[in-house]
């Protein structure tokens, strides 16, 4: 293979996407998820500390981001790890959403 053939094969594999940009986006998504989890932990802790009860909806939102990322990765890459993580995160979203909705119904003044 000459240099031009290798370059053409690389372009076909990457579909003319910049590999550096892809790596930067990957790091940005990771940082965004970490920041979201830290903020959710702070908000959840403060709400409990001031006597506001627990808001499981915050955690449903946090896990829904990870759930979506893992489902998209699974659909695109078909890796077993992504499927397992998507299912785990889906279960967590369902659990936290159910807890949040139950808490809203149980504390409702109109029902």
PDB file of N, CA and C in Angstrom:
ATOM      1  N   UNK A   1       0.838  -1.186   0.000  1.00  0.00           N
ATOM      2  CA  UNK A   1       0.000   0.000   0.000  1.00  0.00           C
ATOM      3  C   UNK A   1       0.880   1.245   0.000  1.00  0.00           C
ATOM      4  N   UNK A   2       0.491   2.173  -0.814  1.00  0.00           N
ATOM      5  CA  UNK A   2       1.228   3.430  -0.778  1.00  0.00           C
ATOM      6  C   UNK A   2       0.507   4.424   0.131  1.00  0.00           C
ATOM      7  N   UNK A   3       1.106   5.572   0.286  1.00  0.00           N
ATOM      8  CA  UNK A   3       0.607   6.586   1.215  1.00  0.00           C
ATOM      9  C   UNK A   3      -0.810   7.035   0.867  1.00  0.00           C
ATOM     10  N   UNK A   4      -1.094   7.205  -0.409  1.00  0.00           N
ATOM     11  CA  UNK A   4      -2.413   7.661  -0.848  1.00  0.00           C
ATOM     12  C   UNK A   4      -3.504   6.629  -0.551  1.00  0.00           C
ATOM     13  N   UNK A   5      -3.197   5.345  -0.728  1.00  0.00           N
ATOM     14  CA  UNK A   5      -4.171   4.289  -0.443  1.00  0.00           C
ATOM     15  C   UNK A   5      -4.492   4.240   1.048  1.00  0.00           C
ATOM     16  N   UNK A   6      -3.468   4.384   1.883  1.00  0.00           N
ATOM     17  CA  UNK A   6      -3.667   4.375   3.331  1.00  0.00           C
ATOM     18  C   UNK A   6      -4.513   5.578   3.748  1.00  0.00           C
ATOM     19  N   UNK A   7      -4.217   6.738   3.180  1.00  0.00           N
ATOM     20  CA  UNK A   7      -4.981   7.944   3.493  1.00  0.00           C
ATOM     21  C   UNK A   7      -6.437   7.801   3.052  1.00  0.00           C
ATOM     22  N   UNK A   8      -6.666   7.250   1.889  1.00  0.00           N
ATOM     23  CA  UNK A   8      -8.032   7.051   1.382  1.00  0.00           C
ATOM     24  C   UNK A   8      -8.808   6.065   2.263  1.00  0.00           C
ATOM     25  N   UNK A   9      -8.140   5.000   2.697  1.00  0.00           N
ATOM     26  CA  UNK A   9      -8.785   4.012   3.579  1.00  0.00           C
ATOM     27  C   UNK A   9      -9.136   4.651   4.923  1.00  0.00           C
ATOM     28  N   UNK A  10      -8.244   5.466   5.449  1.00  0.00           N
ATOM     29  CA  UNK A  10      -8.502   6.147   6.717  1.00  0.00           C
ATOM     30  C   UNK A  10      -9.684   7.094   6.596  1.00  0.00           C
ATOM     31  N   UNK A  11      -9.753   7.824   5.498  1.00  0.00           N
ATOM     32  CA  UNK A  11     -10.888   8.738   5.286  1.00  0.00           C
ATOM     33  C   UNK A  11     -12.199   7.973   5.192  1.00  0.00           C
ATOM     34  N   UNK A  12     -12.174   6.829   4.535  1.00  0.00           N
ATOM     35  CA  UNK A  12     -13.396   6.026   4.403  1.00  0.00           C
ATOM     36  C   UNK A  12     -13.851   5.508   5.770  1.00  0.00           C
ATOM     37  N   UNK A  13     -12.891   5.059   6.590  1.00  0.00           N
ATOM     38  CA  UNK A  13     -13.231   4.544   7.913  1.00  0.00           C
ATOM     39  C   UNK A  13     -13.781   5.639   8.817  1.00  0.00           C
ATOM     40  N   UNK A  14     -13.213   6.815   8.751  1.00  0.00           N
ATOM     41  CA  UNK A  14     -13.623   7.912   9.625  1.00  0.00           C
ATOM     42  C   UNK A  14     -14.676   8.803   8.998  1.00  0.00           C
ATOM     43  N   UNK A  15     -15.085   8.492   7.793  1.00  0.00           N
ATOM     44  CA  UNK A  15     -16.117   9.249   7.069  1.00  0.00           C
ATOM     45  C   UNK A  15     -15.824  10.744   7.094  1.00  0.00           C
ATOM     46  N   UNK A  16     -14.566  11.080   6.828  1.00  0.00           N
ATOM     47  CA  UNK A  16     -14.089  12.459   6.764  1.00  0.00           C
ATOM     48  C   UNK A  16     -14.297  13.239   8.064  1.00  0.00           C
ATOM     49  N   UNK A  17     -14.411  12.540   9.192  1.00  0.00           N
ATOM     50  CA  UNK A  17     -14.528  13.208  10.490  1.00  0.00           C
ATOM     51  C   UNK A  17     -13.138  13.366  11.090  1.00  0.00           C
ATOM     52  N   UNK A  18     -12.946  14.445  11.773  1.00  0.00           N
ATOM     53  CA  UNK A  18     -11.677  14.723  12.432  1.00  0.00           C
ATOM     54  C   UNK A  18     -11.574  13.891  13.701  1.00  0.00           C
ATOM     55  N   UNK A  19     -10.542  13.070  13.802  1.00  0.00           N
ATOM     56  CA  UNK A  19     -10.372  12.182  14.948  1.00  0.00           C
ATOM     57  C   UNK A  19     -10.132  12.996  16.224  1.00  0.00           C
ATOM     58  N   UNK A  20      -9.364  14.070  16.129  1.00  0.00           N
ATOM     59  CA  UNK A  20      -9.118  14.921  17.291  1.00  0.00           C
ATOM     60  C   UNK A  20     -10.425  15.521  17.806  1.00  0.00           C
ATOM     61  N   UNK A  21     -11.267  15.981  16.891  1.00  0.00           N
ATOM     62  CA  UNK A  21     -12.554  16.560  17.288  1.00  0.00           C
ATOM     63  C   UNK A  21     -13.427  15.511  17.971  1.00  0.00           C
ATOM     64  N   UNK A  22     -13.408  14.289  17.460  1.00  0.00           N
ATOM     65  CA  UNK A  22     -14.182  13.220  18.087  1.00  0.00           C
ATOM     66  C   UNK A  22     -13.702  12.960  19.513  1.00  0.00           C
ATOM     67  N   UNK A  23     -12.386  12.987  19.724  1.00  0.00           N
ATOM     68  CA  UNK A  23     -11.841  12.766  21.057  1.00  0.00           C
ATOM     69  C   UNK A  23     -12.207  13.913  21.997  1.00  0.00           C
ATOM     70  N   UNK A  24     -12.175  15.135  21.497  1.00  0.00           N
ATOM     71  CA  UNK A  24     -12.555  16.289  22.308  1.00  0.00           C
ATOM     72  C   UNK A  24     -14.024  16.190  22.701  1.00  0.00           C
ATOM     73  N   UNK A  25     -14.898  15.817  21.761  1.00  0.00           N
ATOM     74  CA  UNK A  25     -16.321  15.661  22.073  1.00  0.00           C
ATOM     75  C   UNK A  25     -16.544  14.576  23.111  1.00  0.00           C
ATOM     76  N   UNK A  26     -15.804  13.487  23.002  1.00  0.00           N
ATOM     77  CA  UNK A  26     -15.922  12.398  23.970  1.00  0.00           C
ATOM     78  C   UNK A  26     -15.557  12.890  25.370  1.00  0.00           C
ATOM     79  N   UNK A  27     -14.462  13.654  25.478  1.00  0.00           N
ATOM     80  CA  UNK A  27     -14.057  14.196  26.765  1.00  0.00           C
ATOM     81  C   UNK A  27     -15.077  15.209  27.280  1.00  0.00           C
ATOM     82  N   UNK A  28     -15.649  15.985  26.371  1.00  0.00           N
ATOM     83  CA  UNK A  28     -16.657  16.974  26.772  1.00  0.00           C
ATOM     84  C   UNK A  28     -17.897  16.286  27.328  1.00  0.00           C
ATOM     85  N   UNK A  29     -18.360  15.213  26.687  1.00  0.00           N
ATOM     86  CA  UNK A  29     -19.518  14.474  27.186  1.00  0.00           C
ATOM     87  C   UNK A  29     -19.227  13.890  28.564  1.00  0.00           C
ATOM     88  N   UNK A  30     -18.034  13.344  28.735  1.00  0.00           N
ATOM     89  CA  UNK A  30     -17.662  12.764  30.026  1.00  0.00           C
ATOM     90  C   UNK A  30     -17.657  13.834  31.111  1.00  0.00           C
ATOM     91  N   UNK A  31     -17.061  14.974  30.827  1.00  0.00           N
ATOM     92  CA  UNK A  31     -17.031  16.081  31.805  1.00  0.00           C
ATOM     93  C   UNK A  31     -18.439  16.569  32.122  1.00  0.00           C
ATOM     94  N   UNK A  32     -19.277  16.669  31.109  1.00  0.00           N
ATOM     95  CA  UNK A  32     -20.648  17.136  31.320  1.00  0.00           C
ATOM     96  C   UNK A  32     -21.411  16.196  32.244  1.00  0.00           C
ATOM     97  N   UNK A  33     -21.242  14.913  32.051  1.00  0.00           N
ATOM     98  CA  UNK A  33     -21.939  13.934  32.896  1.00  0.00           C
ATOM     99  C   UNK A  33     -21.429  14.014  34.331  1.00  0.00           C
ATOM    100  N   UNK A  34     -20.127  14.170  34.513  1.00  0.00           N
ATOM    101  CA  UNK A  34     -19.566  14.272  35.863  1.00  0.00           C
ATOM    102  C   UNK A  34     -20.084  15.532  36.558  1.00  0.00           C
ATOM    103  N   UNK A  35     -20.084  16.660  35.857  1.00  0.00           N
ATOM    104  CA  UNK A  35     -20.585  17.904  36.436  1.00  0.00           C
ATOM    105  C   UNK A  35     -22.061  17.749  36.810  1.00  0.00           C
ATOM    106  N   UNK A  36     -22.834  17.115  35.946  1.00  0.00           N
ATOM    107  CA  UNK A  36     -24.254  16.917  36.217  1.00  0.00           C
ATOM    108  C   UNK A  36     -24.445  16.057  37.471  1.00  0.00           C
ATOM    109  N   UNK A  37     -23.634  15.012  37.618  1.00  0.00           N
ATOM    110  CA  UNK A  37     -23.764  14.154  38.793  1.00  0.00           C
ATOM    111  C   UNK A  37     -23.353  14.882  40.069  1.00  0.00           C
ATOM    112  N   UNK A  38     -22.328  15.707  39.999  1.00  0.00           N
ATOM    113  CA  UNK A  38     -21.908  16.474  41.179  1.00  0.00           C
ATOM    114  C   UNK A  38     -23.012  17.454  41.580  1.00  0.00           C
ATOM    115  N   UNK A  39     -23.552  18.183  40.614  1.00  0.00           N
ATOM    116  CA  UNK A  39     -24.630  19.128  40.921  1.00  0.00           C
ATOM    117  C   UNK A  39     -25.865  18.415  41.474  1.00  0.00           C
ATOM    118  N   UNK A  40     -26.206  17.271  40.898  1.00  0.00           N
ATOM    119  CA  UNK A  40     -27.358  16.520  41.393  1.00  0.00           C
ATOM    120  C   UNK A  40     -27.129  16.083  42.839  1.00  0.00           C
ATOM    121  N   UNK A  41     -25.913  15.663  43.145  1.00  0.00           N
ATOM    122  CA  UNK A  41     -25.584  15.256  44.516  1.00  0.00           C
ATOM    123  C   UNK A  41     -25.701  16.437  45.475  1.00  0.00           C
ATOM    124  N   UNK A  42     -25.191  17.592  45.063  1.00  0.00           N
ATOM    125  CA  UNK A  42     -25.286  18.792  45.902  1.00  0.00           C
ATOM    126  C   UNK A  42     -26.752  19.168  46.118  1.00  0.00           C
ATOM    127  N   UNK A  43     -27.527  19.241  45.036  1.00  0.00           N
ATOM    128  CA  UNK A  43     -28.947  19.615  45.158  1.00  0.00           C
ATOM    129  C   UNK A  43     -29.715  18.622  46.024  1.00  0.00           C
ATOM    130  N   UNK A  44     -29.479  17.335  45.809  1.00  0.00           N
ATOM    131  CA  UNK A  44     -30.158  16.284  46.569  1.00  0.00           C
ATOM    132  C   UNK A  44     -29.812  16.401  48.057  1.00  0.00           C
ATOM    133  N   UNK A  45     -28.528  16.595  48.354  1.00  0.00           N
ATOM    134  CA  UNK A  45     -28.079  16.697  49.746  1.00  0.00           C
ATOM    135  C   UNK A  45     -28.647  17.936  50.427  1.00  0.00           C
ATOM    136  N   UNK A  46     -28.599  19.063  49.747  1.00  0.00           N
ATOM    137  CA  UNK A  46     -29.125  20.304  50.330  1.00  0.00           C
ATOM    138  C   UNK A  46     -30.621  20.176  50.579  1.00  0.00           C
ATOM    139  N   UNK A  47     -31.340  19.572  49.643  1.00  0.00           N
ATOM    140  CA  UNK A  47     -32.784  19.429  49.811  1.00  0.00           C
ATOM    141  C   UNK A  47     -33.100  18.572  51.033  1.00  0.00           C
ATOM    142  N   UNK A  48     -32.370  17.502  51.230  1.00  0.00           N
ATOM    143  CA  UNK A  48     -32.583  16.661  52.413  1.00  0.00           C
ATOM    144  C   UNK A  48     -32.188  17.421  53.676  1.00  0.00           C
ATOM    145  N   UNK A  49     -31.055  18.137  53.634  1.00  0.00           N
ATOM    146  CA  UNK A  49     -30.544  18.867  54.802  1.00  0.00           C
ATOM    147  C   UNK A  49     -31.509  19.949  55.276  1.00  0.00           C
ATOM    148  N   UNK A  50     -32.160  20.645  54.361  1.00  0.00           N
ATOM    149  CA  UNK A  50     -33.085  21.716  54.755  1.00  0.00           C
ATOM    150  C   UNK A  50     -34.488  21.198  55.023  1.00  0.00           C
ATOM    151  N   UNK A  51     -34.670  19.895  54.982  1.00  0.00           N
ATOM    152  CA  UNK A  51     -35.959  19.314  55.331  1.00  0.00           C
ATOM    153  C   UNK A  51     -36.944  19.240  54.192  1.00  0.00           C
ATOM    154  N   UNK A  52     -36.467  19.316  52.982  1.00  0.00           N
ATOM    155  CA  UNK A  52     -37.364  19.276  51.822  1.00  0.00           C
ATOM    156  C   UNK A  52     -37.657  17.883  51.309  1.00  0.00           C
ATOM    157  N   UNK A  53     -37.193  16.850  52.001  1.00  0.00           N
ATOM    158  CA  UNK A  53     -37.408  15.482  51.535  1.00  0.00           C
ATOM    159  C   UNK A  53     -36.439  15.119  50.429  1.00  0.00           C
ATOM    160  N   UNK A  54     -36.690  13.994  49.782  1.00  0.00           N
ATOM    161  CA  UNK A  54     -35.804  13.563  48.703  1.00  0.00           C
ATOM    162  C   UNK A  54     -36.491  13.706  47.359  1.00  0.00           C
ATOM    163  N   UNK A  55     -35.750  14.205  46.403  1.00  0.00           N
ATOM    164  CA  UNK A  55     -36.261  14.387  45.052  1.00  0.00           C
ATOM    165  C   UNK A  55     -35.579  13.375  44.135  1.00  0.00           C
ATOM    166  N   UNK A  56     -36.225  12.240  43.952  1.00  0.00           N
ATOM    167  CA  UNK A  56     -35.649  11.181  43.122  1.00  0.00           C
ATOM    168  C   UNK A  56     -35.687  11.538  41.644  1.00  0.00           C
ATOM    169  N   UNK A  57     -36.467  12.542  41.281  1.00  0.00           N
ATOM    170  CA  UNK A  57     -36.539  12.985  39.894  1.00  0.00           C
ATOM    171  C   UNK A  57     -35.204  13.503  39.388  1.00  0.00           C
ATOM    172  N   UNK A  58     -34.425  14.119  40.273  1.00  0.00           N
ATOM    173  CA  UNK A  58     -33.094  14.594  39.882  1.00  0.00           C
ATOM    174  C   UNK A  58     -32.248  13.424  39.399  1.00  0.00           C
ATOM    175  N   UNK A  59     -32.284  12.335  40.159  1.00  0.00           N
ATOM    176  CA  UNK A  59     -31.463  11.175  39.775  1.00  0.00           C
ATOM    177  C   UNK A  59     -32.005  10.496  38.522  1.00  0.00           C
ATOM    178  N   UNK A  60     -33.309  10.534  38.325  1.00  0.00           N
ATOM    179  CA  UNK A  60     -33.866   9.991  37.079  1.00  0.00           C
ATOM    180  C   UNK A  60     -33.312  10.764  35.884  1.00  0.00           C
ATOM    181  N   UNK A  61     -33.217  12.074  36.011  1.00  0.00           N
ATOM    182  CA  UNK A  61     -32.664  12.892  34.931  1.00  0.00           C
ATOM    183  C   UNK A  61     -31.191  12.594  34.698  1.00  0.00           C
ATOM    184  N   UNK A  62     -30.426  12.478  35.771  1.00  0.00           N
ATOM    185  CA  UNK A  62     -28.989  12.183  35.644  1.00  0.00           C
ATOM    186  C   UNK A  62     -28.781  10.842  34.942  1.00  0.00           C
ATOM    187  N   UNK A  63     -29.478   9.814  35.399  1.00  0.00           N
ATOM    188  CA  UNK A  63     -29.295   8.500  34.802  1.00  0.00           C
ATOM    189  C   UNK A  63     -29.875   8.419  33.397  1.00  0.00           C
ATOM    190  N   UNK A  64     -30.863   9.267  33.078  1.00  0.00           N
ATOM    191  CA  UNK A  64     -31.422   9.231  31.720  1.00  0.00           C
ATOM    192  C   UNK A  64     -30.401   9.707  30.692  1.00  0.00           C
ATOM    193  N   UNK A  65     -29.519  10.614  31.081  1.00  0.00           N
ATOM    194  CA  UNK A  65     -28.456  11.043  30.168  1.00  0.00           C
ATOM    195  C   UNK A  65     -27.523   9.882  29.860  1.00  0.00           C
ATOM    196  N   UNK A  66     -27.053   9.222  30.905  1.00  0.00           N
ATOM    197  CA  UNK A  66     -26.181   8.058  30.701  1.00  0.00           C
ATOM    198  C   UNK A  66     -26.903   6.953  29.943  1.00  0.00           C
ATOM    199  N   UNK A  67     -28.162   6.737  30.269  1.00  0.00           N
ATOM    200  CA  UNK A  67     -28.950   5.713  29.590  1.00  0.00           C
ATOM    201  C   UNK A  67     -28.989   5.985  28.090  1.00  0.00           C
ATOM    202  N   UNK A  68     -29.253   7.217  27.717  1.00  0.00           N
ATOM    203  CA  UNK A  68     -29.334   7.575  26.303  1.00  0.00           C
ATOM    204  C   UNK A  68     -27.997   7.380  25.606  1.00  0.00           C
ATOM    205  N   UNK A  69     -26.921   7.808  26.258  1.00  0.00           N
ATOM    206  CA  UNK A  69     -25.587   7.635  25.669  1.00  0.00           C
ATOM    207  C   UNK A  69     -25.298   6.162  25.423  1.00  0.00           C
ATOM    208  N   UNK A  70     -25.579   5.308  26.410  1.00  0.00           N
ATOM    209  CA  UNK A  70     -25.303   3.878  26.248  1.00  0.00           C
ATOM    210  C   UNK A  70     -26.198   3.234  25.193  1.00  0.00           C
ATOM    211  N   UNK A  71     -27.471   3.645  25.101  1.00  0.00           N
ATOM    212  CA  UNK A  71     -28.336   3.074  24.060  1.00  0.00           C
ATOM    213  C   UNK A  71     -27.844   3.457  22.665  1.00  0.00           C
ATOM    214  N   UNK A  72     -27.464   4.705  22.484  1.00  0.00           N
ATOM    215  CA  UNK A  72     -26.964   5.137  21.169  1.00  0.00           C
ATOM    216  C   UNK A  72     -25.674   4.391  20.827  1.00  0.00           C
ATOM    217  N   UNK A  73     -24.782   4.268  21.810  1.00  0.00           N
ATOM    218  CA  UNK A  73     -23.537   3.532  21.564  1.00  0.00           C
ATOM    219  C   UNK A  73     -23.825   2.076  21.215  1.00  0.00           C
ATOM    220  N   UNK A  74     -24.797   1.482  21.903  1.00  0.00           N
ATOM    221  CA  UNK A  74     -25.136   0.088  21.592  1.00  0.00           C
ATOM    222  C   UNK A  74     -25.700  -0.045  20.178  1.00  0.00           C
ATOM    223  N   UNK A  75     -26.613   0.863  19.800  1.00  0.00           N
ATOM    224  CA  UNK A  75     -27.202   0.781  18.464  1.00  0.00           C
ATOM    225  C   UNK A  75     -26.160   0.968  17.369  1.00  0.00           C
ATOM    226  N   UNK A  76     -25.186   1.810  17.622  1.00  0.00           N
ATOM    227  CA  UNK A  76     -24.164   2.086  16.611  1.00  0.00           C
ATOM    228  C   UNK A  76     -23.054   1.039  16.600  1.00  0.00           C
ATOM    229  N   UNK A  77     -22.640   0.558  17.776  1.00  0.00           N
ATOM    230  CA  UNK A  77     -21.469  -0.311  17.875  1.00  0.00           C
ATOM    231  C   UNK A  77     -21.794  -1.787  18.126  1.00  0.00           C
ATOM    232  N   UNK A  78     -22.986  -2.058  18.611  1.00  0.00           N
ATOM    233  CA  UNK A  78     -23.427  -3.430  18.911  1.00  0.00           C
ATOM    234  C   UNK A  78     -22.475  -4.176  19.838  1.00  0.00           C
ATOM    235  N   UNK A  79     -22.034  -3.472  20.892  1.00  0.00           N
ATOM    236  CA  UNK A  79     -21.168  -4.097  21.891  1.00  0.00           C
ATOM    237  C   UNK A  79     -22.004  -4.526  23.082  1.00  0.00           C
ATOM    238  N   UNK A  80     -21.667  -5.667  23.617  1.00  0.00           N
ATOM    239  CA  UNK A  80     -22.429  -6.210  24.741  1.00  0.00           C
ATOM    240  C   UNK A  80     -22.334  -5.304  25.975  1.00  0.00           C
ATOM    241  N   UNK A  81     -21.169  -4.739  26.216  1.00  0.00           N
ATOM    242  CA  UNK A  81     -20.985  -3.864  27.375  1.00  0.00           C
ATOM    243  C   UNK A  81     -21.963  -2.697  27.337  1.00  0.00           C
ATOM    244  N   UNK A  82     -22.123  -2.079  26.171  1.00  0.00           N
ATOM    245  CA  UNK A  82     -23.046  -0.952  26.041  1.00  0.00           C
ATOM    246  C   UNK A  82     -24.483  -1.394  26.303  1.00  0.00           C
ATOM    247  N   UNK A  83     -24.856  -2.583  25.843  1.00  0.00           N
ATOM    248  CA  UNK A  83     -26.205  -3.104  26.081  1.00  0.00           C
ATOM    249  C   UNK A  83     -26.447  -3.304  27.571  1.00  0.00           C
ATOM    250  N   UNK A  84     -25.485  -3.923  28.248  1.00  0.00           N
ATOM    251  CA  UNK A  84     -25.630  -4.173  29.687  1.00  0.00           C
ATOM    252  C   UNK A  84     -25.757  -2.852  30.444  1.00  0.00           C
ATOM    253  N   UNK A  85     -24.879  -1.904  30.117  1.00  0.00           N
ATOM    254  CA  UNK A  85     -24.926  -0.609  30.801  1.00  0.00           C
ATOM    255  C   UNK A  85     -26.217   0.141  30.469  1.00  0.00           C
ATOM    256  N   UNK A  86     -26.698   0.041  29.240  1.00  0.00           N
ATOM    257  CA  UNK A  86     -27.962   0.687  28.865  1.00  0.00           C
ATOM    258  C   UNK A  86     -29.118   0.092  29.660  1.00  0.00           C
ATOM    259  N   UNK A  87     -29.130  -1.218  29.817  1.00  0.00           N
ATOM    260  CA  UNK A  87     -30.194  -1.868  30.582  1.00  0.00           C
ATOM    261  C   UNK A  87     -30.128  -1.487  32.061  1.00  0.00           C
ATOM    262  N   UNK A  88     -28.926  -1.426  32.620  1.00  0.00           N
ATOM    263  CA  UNK A  88     -28.765  -1.036  34.028  1.00  0.00           C
ATOM    264  C   UNK A  88     -29.256   0.396  34.229  1.00  0.00           C
ATOM    265  N   UNK A  89     -28.840   1.299  33.344  1.00  0.00           N
ATOM    266  CA  UNK A  89     -29.257   2.691  33.476  1.00  0.00           C
ATOM    267  C   UNK A  89     -30.758   2.856  33.227  1.00  0.00           C
ATOM    268  N   UNK A  90     -31.312   2.071  32.326  1.00  0.00           N
ATOM    269  CA  UNK A  90     -32.757   2.112  32.091  1.00  0.00           C
ATOM    270  C   UNK A  90     -33.508   1.682  33.345  1.00  0.00           C
ATOM    271  N   UNK A  91     -33.008   0.635  34.013  1.00  0.00           N
ATOM    272  CA  UNK A  91     -33.632   0.179  35.263  1.00  0.00           C
ATOM    273  C   UNK A  91     -33.536   1.257  36.337  1.00  0.00           C
ATOM    274  N   UNK A  92     -32.395   1.938  36.413  1.00  0.00           N
ATOM    275  CA  UNK A  92     -32.245   3.006  37.400  1.00  0.00           C
ATOM    276  C   UNK A  92     -33.192   4.167  37.109  1.00  0.00           C
ATOM    277  N   UNK A  93     -33.337   4.533  35.828  1.00  0.00           N
ATOM    278  CA  UNK A  93     -34.266   5.610  35.461  1.00  0.00           C
ATOM    279  C   UNK A  93     -35.688   5.219  35.839  1.00  0.00           C
ATOM    280  N   UNK A  94     -36.069   3.980  35.564  1.00  0.00           N
ATOM    281  CA  UNK A  94     -37.415   3.518  35.903  1.00  0.00           C
ATOM    282  C   UNK A  94     -37.622   3.526  37.419  1.00  0.00           C
ATOM    283  N   UNK A  95     -36.622   3.075  38.161  1.00  0.00           N
ATOM    284  CA  UNK A  95     -36.718   3.028  39.615  1.00  0.00           C
ATOM    285  C   UNK A  95     -36.839   4.439  40.208  1.00  0.00           C
ATOM    286  N   UNK A  96     -35.955   5.332  39.806  1.00  0.00           N
ATOM    287  CA  UNK A  96     -35.992   6.692  40.335  1.00  0.00           C
ATOM    288  C   UNK A  96     -37.233   7.449  39.873  1.00  0.00           C
ATOM    289  N   UNK A  97     -37.650   7.234  38.639  1.00  0.00           N
ATOM    290  CA  UNK A  97     -38.874   7.891  38.155  1.00  0.00           C
ATOM    291  C   UNK A  97     -40.087   7.398  38.932  1.00  0.00           C
ATOM    292  N   UNK A  98     -40.143   6.082  39.142  1.00  0.00           N
ATOM    293  CA  UNK A  98     -41.239   5.518  39.927  1.00  0.00           C
ATOM    294  C   UNK A  98     -41.256   6.063  41.343  1.00  0.00           C
ATOM    295  N   UNK A  99     -40.067   6.157  41.974  1.00  0.00           N
ATOM    296  CA  UNK A  99     -39.984   6.712  43.325  1.00  0.00           C
ATOM    297  C   UNK A  99     -40.417   8.165  43.374  1.00  0.00           C
ATOM    298  N   UNK A 100     -40.022   8.931  42.370  1.00  0.00           N
ATOM    299  CA  UNK A 100     -40.397  10.346  42.327  1.00  0.00           C
ATOM    300  C   UNK A 100     -41.903  10.512  42.132  1.00  0.00           C
ATOM    301  N   UNK A 101     -42.467   9.756  41.204  1.00  0.00           N
ATOM    302  CA  UNK A 101     -43.910   9.853  40.943  1.00  0.00           C
ATOM    303  C   UNK A 101     -44.703   9.371  42.161  1.00  0.00           C
ATOM    304  N   UNK A 102     -44.245   8.287  42.799  1.00  0.00           N
ATOM    305  CA  UNK A 102     -44.917   7.790  44.000  1.00  0.00           C
ATOM    306  C   UNK A 102     -44.895   8.859  45.100  1.00  0.00           C
ATOM    307  N   UNK A 103     -43.735   9.497  45.294  1.00  0.00           N
ATOM    308  CA  UNK A 103     -43.616  10.531  46.322  1.00  0.00           C
ATOM    309  C   UNK A 103     -44.559  11.707  46.026  1.00  0.00           C
ATOM    310  N   UNK A 104     -44.663  12.082  44.746  1.00  0.00           N
ATOM    311  CA  UNK A 104     -45.571  13.175  44.375  1.00  0.00           C
ATOM    312  C   UNK A 104     -47.019  12.805  44.653  1.00  0.00           C
ATOM    313  N   UNK A 105     -47.400  11.588  44.325  1.00  0.00           N
ATOM    314  CA  UNK A 105     -48.781  11.146  44.553  1.00  0.00           C
ATOM    315  C   UNK A 105     -49.064  11.027  46.046  1.00  0.00           C
ATOM    316  N   UNK A 106     -48.124  10.463  46.797  1.00  0.00           N
ATOM    317  CA  UNK A 106     -48.327  10.261  48.246  1.00  0.00           C
ATOM    318  C   UNK A 106     -48.412  11.590  48.994  1.00  0.00           C
ATOM    319  N   UNK A 107     -47.715  12.605  48.528  1.00  0.00           N
ATOM    320  CA  UNK A 107     -47.740  13.879  49.243  1.00  0.00           C
ATOM    321  C   UNK A 107     -48.715  14.882  48.623  1.00  0.00           C
ATOM    322  N   UNK A 108     -49.498  14.441  47.648  1.00  0.00           N
ATOM    323  CA  UNK A 108     -50.420  15.335  46.973  1.00  0.00           C
ATOM    324  C   UNK A 108     -51.576  15.740  47.902  1.00  0.00           C
ATOM    325  N   UNK A 109     -51.954  16.986  47.817  1.00  0.00           N
ATOM    326  CA  UNK A 109     -53.083  17.467  48.626  1.00  0.00           C
ATOM    327  C   UNK A 109     -54.394  17.380  47.854  1.00  0.00           C
ATOM    328  N   UNK A 110     -54.323  17.158  46.553  1.00  0.00           N
ATOM    329  CA  UNK A 110     -55.561  17.080  45.770  1.00  0.00           C
ATOM    330  C   UNK A 110     -56.041  15.638  45.561  1.00  0.00           C
ATOM    331  N   UNK A 111     -55.209  14.679  45.814  1.00  0.00           N
ATOM    332  CA  UNK A 111     -55.652  13.280  45.592  1.00  0.00           C
ATOM    333  C   UNK A 111     -56.175  12.649  46.833  1.00  0.00           C
TER     334      UNK A 111
END
